[in-house]
Amino acid sequence: MVNLAVSNKKTAPKMLALGALAVLLATTSVSAATSTASLNYTASAEGGKINIHDGSSRMTVTNSGGGPFQLIGYAKKSIVVLPDPTVHTSYARPVTEVKSSFSPAPSTYYAEAWAEYSSKDIRGTVKITD
């Protein structure tokens, strides 16, 4: 009878070490939180809430077009009492993208997109990233 199972005892510790390293890297990787508000022929949109901790954030306003109006992007601070205060504003003309930076206090924020004059002809996005 022939034993077909072959064991390579030298590769087991290496594979174990590589697996542990992969788990360590996966748990320590940092991903930026993003809130995106998308207009698709609507007058306004609101993105999900994100926590900003370091006070350094970016806003990208992309007006994909569809009308002659600007897309207005707001970074809003989420508070209990409404209306939520605006901490940063940026505008994009039709078929343009505008990037800007701002430094909010650590808190919870969200992106908000509005079409100029509440037009429903615009497509685009407003994205804030911590």
C-alpha atoms as a PDB file:
ATOM      1  CA  MET A   1       0.000   0.000   0.000  1.00  0.00           C
ATOM      2  CA  VAL A   2       1.290   3.464  -0.933  1.00  0.00           C
ATOM      3  CA  ASN A   3       0.753   6.558   1.226  1.00  0.00           C
ATOM      4  CA  LEU A   4      -0.274   9.410  -1.097  1.00  0.00           C
ATOM      5  CA  ALA A   5      -0.383  12.142   1.569  1.00  0.00           C
ATOM      6  CA  VAL A   6       2.799  14.186   1.467  1.00  0.00           C
ATOM      7  CA  SER A   7       3.539  16.548   4.298  1.00  0.00           C
ATOM      8  CA  ASN A   8       5.950  19.404   3.979  1.00  0.00           C
ATOM      9  CA  LYS A   9       6.572  20.413   7.551  1.00  0.00           C
ATOM     10  CA  LYS A  10       8.765  23.382   6.598  1.00  0.00           C
ATOM     11  CA  THR A  11       5.984  25.268   4.790  1.00  0.00           C
ATOM     12  CA  ALA A  12       3.453  25.028   7.628  1.00  0.00           C
ATOM     13  CA  PRO A  13       5.196  27.626   9.875  1.00  0.00           C
ATOM     14  CA  LYS A  14       5.716  29.941   6.895  1.00  0.00           C
ATOM     15  CA  MET A  15       2.057  29.737   5.908  1.00  0.00           C
ATOM     16  CA  LEU A  16       1.008  30.332   9.511  1.00  0.00           C
ATOM     17  CA  ALA A  17       3.258  33.411   9.734  1.00  0.00           C
ATOM     18  CA  LEU A  18       1.987  34.774   6.411  1.00  0.00           C
ATOM     19  CA  GLY A  19      -1.627  34.227   7.491  1.00  0.00           C
ATOM     20  CA  ALA A  20      -1.036  36.044  10.788  1.00  0.00           C
ATOM     21  CA  LEU A  21       0.643  38.914   8.932  1.00  0.00           C
ATOM     22  CA  ALA A  22      -2.290  39.184   6.518  1.00  0.00           C
ATOM     23  CA  VAL A  23      -4.786  39.326   9.390  1.00  0.00           C
ATOM     24  CA  LEU A  24      -2.693  41.981  11.147  1.00  0.00           C
ATOM     25  CA  LEU A  25      -2.516  44.149   8.032  1.00  0.00           C
ATOM     26  CA  ALA A  26      -6.233  43.770   7.375  1.00  0.00           C
ATOM     27  CA  THR A  27      -7.164  44.889  10.882  1.00  0.00           C
ATOM     28  CA  THR A  28      -4.803  47.865  10.958  1.00  0.00           C
ATOM     29  CA  SER A  29      -5.562  49.314   7.532  1.00  0.00           C
ATOM     30  CA  VAL A  30      -7.177  52.724   7.567  1.00  0.00           C
ATOM     31  CA  SER A  31      -9.887  53.649   5.140  1.00  0.00           C
ATOM     32  CA  ALA A  32     -11.191  57.153   4.734  1.00  0.00           C
ATOM     33  CA  ALA A  33     -14.816  57.698   5.607  1.00  0.00           C
ATOM     34  CA  THR A  34     -16.838  59.246   2.788  1.00  0.00           C
ATOM     35  CA  SER A  35     -20.281  60.811   2.547  1.00  0.00           C
ATOM     36  CA  THR A  36     -21.705  61.126  -0.964  1.00  0.00           C
ATOM     37  CA  ALA A  37     -24.844  62.985  -2.029  1.00  0.00           C
ATOM     38  CA  SER A  38     -25.904  62.226  -5.609  1.00  0.00           C
ATOM     39  CA  LEU A  39     -28.252  64.280  -7.769  1.00  0.00           C
ATOM     40  CA  ASN A  40     -29.904  62.437 -10.616  1.00  0.00           C
ATOM     41  CA  TYR A  41     -32.481  64.868 -11.967  1.00  0.00           C
ATOM     42  CA  THR A  42     -33.556  65.816  -8.449  1.00  0.00           C
ATOM     43  CA  ALA A  43     -33.348  69.213  -6.767  1.00  0.00           C
ATOM     44  CA  SER A  44     -31.423  68.038  -3.686  1.00  0.00           C
ATOM     45  CA  ALA A  45     -29.806  65.025  -2.049  1.00  0.00           C
ATOM     46  CA  GLU A  46     -28.183  64.136   1.258  1.00  0.00           C
ATOM     47  CA  GLY A  47     -25.311  61.720   1.912  1.00  0.00           C
ATOM     48  CA  GLY A  48     -24.756  59.415   4.855  1.00  0.00           C
ATOM     49  CA  LYS A  49     -23.216  60.602   8.103  1.00  0.00           C
ATOM     50  CA  ILE A  50     -19.486  60.175   8.763  1.00  0.00           C
ATOM     51  CA  ASN A  51     -17.255  60.933  11.727  1.00  0.00           C
ATOM     52  CA  ILE A  52     -14.367  63.295  11.103  1.00  0.00           C
ATOM     53  CA  HIS A  53     -11.633  63.067  13.722  1.00  0.00           C
ATOM     54  CA  ASP A  54      -8.504  64.779  12.437  1.00  0.00           C
ATOM     55  CA  GLY A  55      -9.976  68.090  11.287  1.00  0.00           C
ATOM     56  CA  SER A  56      -8.641  67.798   7.748  1.00  0.00           C
ATOM     57  CA  SER A  57     -11.244  67.027   5.092  1.00  0.00           C
ATOM     58  CA  ARG A  58     -11.813  67.275   1.356  1.00  0.00           C
ATOM     59  CA  MET A  59     -14.884  68.097  -0.695  1.00  0.00           C
ATOM     60  CA  THR A  60     -15.350  67.173  -4.345  1.00  0.00           C
ATOM     61  CA  VAL A  61     -18.294  68.653  -6.234  1.00  0.00           C
ATOM     62  CA  THR A  62     -18.888  67.085  -9.647  1.00  0.00           C
ATOM     63  CA  ASN A  63     -21.500  68.592 -11.951  1.00  0.00           C
ATOM     64  CA  SER A  64     -22.047  66.049 -14.732  1.00  0.00           C
ATOM     65  CA  GLY A  65     -24.331  68.431 -16.567  1.00  0.00           C
ATOM     66  CA  GLY A  66     -27.861  68.109 -17.778  1.00  0.00           C
ATOM     67  CA  GLY A  67     -28.724  71.736 -17.319  1.00  0.00           C
ATOM     68  CA  PRO A  68     -27.280  75.250 -17.358  1.00  0.00           C
ATOM     69  CA  PHE A  69     -27.206  75.577 -13.571  1.00  0.00           C
ATOM     70  CA  GLN A  70     -24.533  75.110 -10.912  1.00  0.00           C
ATOM     71  CA  LEU A  71     -24.411  72.264  -8.428  1.00  0.00           C
ATOM     72  CA  ILE A  72     -23.944  73.528  -4.882  1.00  0.00           C
ATOM     73  CA  GLY A  73     -22.175  71.289  -2.380  1.00  0.00           C
ATOM     74  CA  TYR A  74     -22.423  71.665   1.368  1.00  0.00           C
ATOM     75  CA  ALA A  75     -20.633  69.957   4.233  1.00  0.00           C
ATOM     76  CA  LYS A  76     -23.109  69.982   7.110  1.00  0.00           C
ATOM     77  CA  LYS A  77     -22.422  69.292  10.774  1.00  0.00           C
ATOM     78  CA  SER A  78     -24.940  66.851  12.199  1.00  0.00           C
ATOM     79  CA  ILE A  79     -26.425  68.172  15.441  1.00  0.00           C
ATOM     80  CA  VAL A  80     -29.542  67.345  17.427  1.00  0.00           C
ATOM     81  CA  VAL A  81     -31.292  70.665  16.833  1.00  0.00           C
ATOM     82  CA  LEU A  82     -32.160  71.515  13.228  1.00  0.00           C
ATOM     83  CA  PRO A  83     -31.167  73.180  10.982  1.00  0.00           C
ATOM     84  CA  ASP A  84     -27.710  71.656  10.789  1.00  0.00           C
ATOM     85  CA  PRO A  85     -25.005  74.298  10.330  1.00  0.00           C
ATOM     86  CA  THR A  86     -23.033  74.466   7.085  1.00  0.00           C
ATOM     87  CA  VAL A  87     -19.265  74.265   7.645  1.00  0.00           C
ATOM     88  CA  HIS A  88     -18.121  74.395   3.999  1.00  0.00           C
ATOM     89  CA  THR A  89     -19.654  75.287   0.635  1.00  0.00           C
ATOM     90  CA  SER A  90     -18.425  74.753  -2.912  1.00  0.00           C
ATOM     91  CA  TYR A  91     -19.951  75.308  -6.370  1.00  0.00           C
ATOM     92  CA  ALA A  92     -19.435  73.527  -9.691  1.00  0.00           C
ATOM     93  CA  ARG A  93     -20.529  74.888 -13.067  1.00  0.00           C
ATOM     94  CA  PRO A  94     -21.975  72.452 -15.630  1.00  0.00           C
ATOM     95  CA  VAL A  95     -19.617  69.645 -16.669  1.00  0.00           C
ATOM     96  CA  THR A  96     -16.896  70.549 -14.155  1.00  0.00           C
ATOM     97  CA  GLU A  97     -15.379  69.141 -10.982  1.00  0.00           C
ATOM     98  CA  VAL A  98     -14.223  71.325  -8.100  1.00  0.00           C
ATOM     99  CA  LYS A  99     -12.039  70.050  -5.243  1.00  0.00           C
ATOM    100  CA  SER A 100     -11.478  71.957  -2.021  1.00  0.00           C
ATOM    101  CA  SER A 101     -10.197  71.378   1.516  1.00  0.00           C
ATOM    102  CA  PHE A 102     -11.608  72.448   4.851  1.00  0.00           C
ATOM    103  CA  SER A 103     -10.777  71.901   8.520  1.00  0.00           C
ATOM    104  CA  PRO A 104     -13.856  71.092  10.608  1.00  0.00           C
ATOM    105  CA  ALA A 105     -13.846  70.354  14.333  1.00  0.00           C
ATOM    106  CA  PRO A 106     -14.060  66.638  15.179  1.00  0.00           C
ATOM    107  CA  SER A 107     -17.729  65.652  14.945  1.00  0.00           C
ATOM    108  CA  THR A 108     -20.308  63.981  12.682  1.00  0.00           C
ATOM    109  CA  TYR A 109     -20.852  65.450   9.209  1.00  0.00           C
ATOM    110  CA  TYR A 110     -22.665  64.703   5.950  1.00  0.00           C
ATOM    111  CA  ALA A 111     -22.628  65.904   2.347  1.00  0.00           C
ATOM    112  CA  GLU A 112     -25.573  67.744   0.859  1.00  0.00           C
ATOM    113  CA  ALA A 113     -26.125  68.577  -2.828  1.00  0.00           C
ATOM    114  CA  TRP A 114     -28.445  71.222  -4.212  1.00  0.00           C
ATOM    115  CA  ALA A 115     -29.200  72.237  -7.759  1.00  0.00           C
ATOM    116  CA  GLU A 116     -29.099  75.983  -8.373  1.00  0.00           C
ATOM    117  CA  TYR A 117     -32.650  77.418  -8.365  1.00  0.00           C
ATOM    118  CA  SER A 118     -33.898  73.939  -7.298  1.00  0.00           C
ATOM    119  CA  SER A 119     -33.648  72.802 -10.903  1.00  0.00           C
ATOM    120  CA  LYS A 120     -34.314  69.120 -11.567  1.00  0.00           C
ATOM    121  CA  ASP A 121     -32.139  69.093 -14.707  1.00  0.00           C
ATOM    122  CA  ILE A 122     -28.766  68.448 -13.031  1.00  0.00           C
ATOM    123  CA  ARG A 123     -26.781  65.256 -12.490  1.00  0.00           C
ATOM    124  CA  GLY A 124     -23.776  65.173 -10.179  1.00  0.00           C
ATOM    125  CA  THR A 125     -22.307  64.349  -6.790  1.00  0.00           C
ATOM    126  CA  VAL A 126     -20.974  66.014  -3.676  1.00  0.00           C
ATOM    127  CA  LYS A 127     -18.464  63.958  -1.720  1.00  0.00           C
ATOM    128  CA  ILE A 128     -16.765  64.772   1.577  1.00  0.00           C
ATOM    129  CA  THR A 129     -13.907  62.624   2.816  1.00  0.00           C
ATOM    130  CA  ASP A 130     -12.159  62.780   6.157  1.00  0.00           C
END
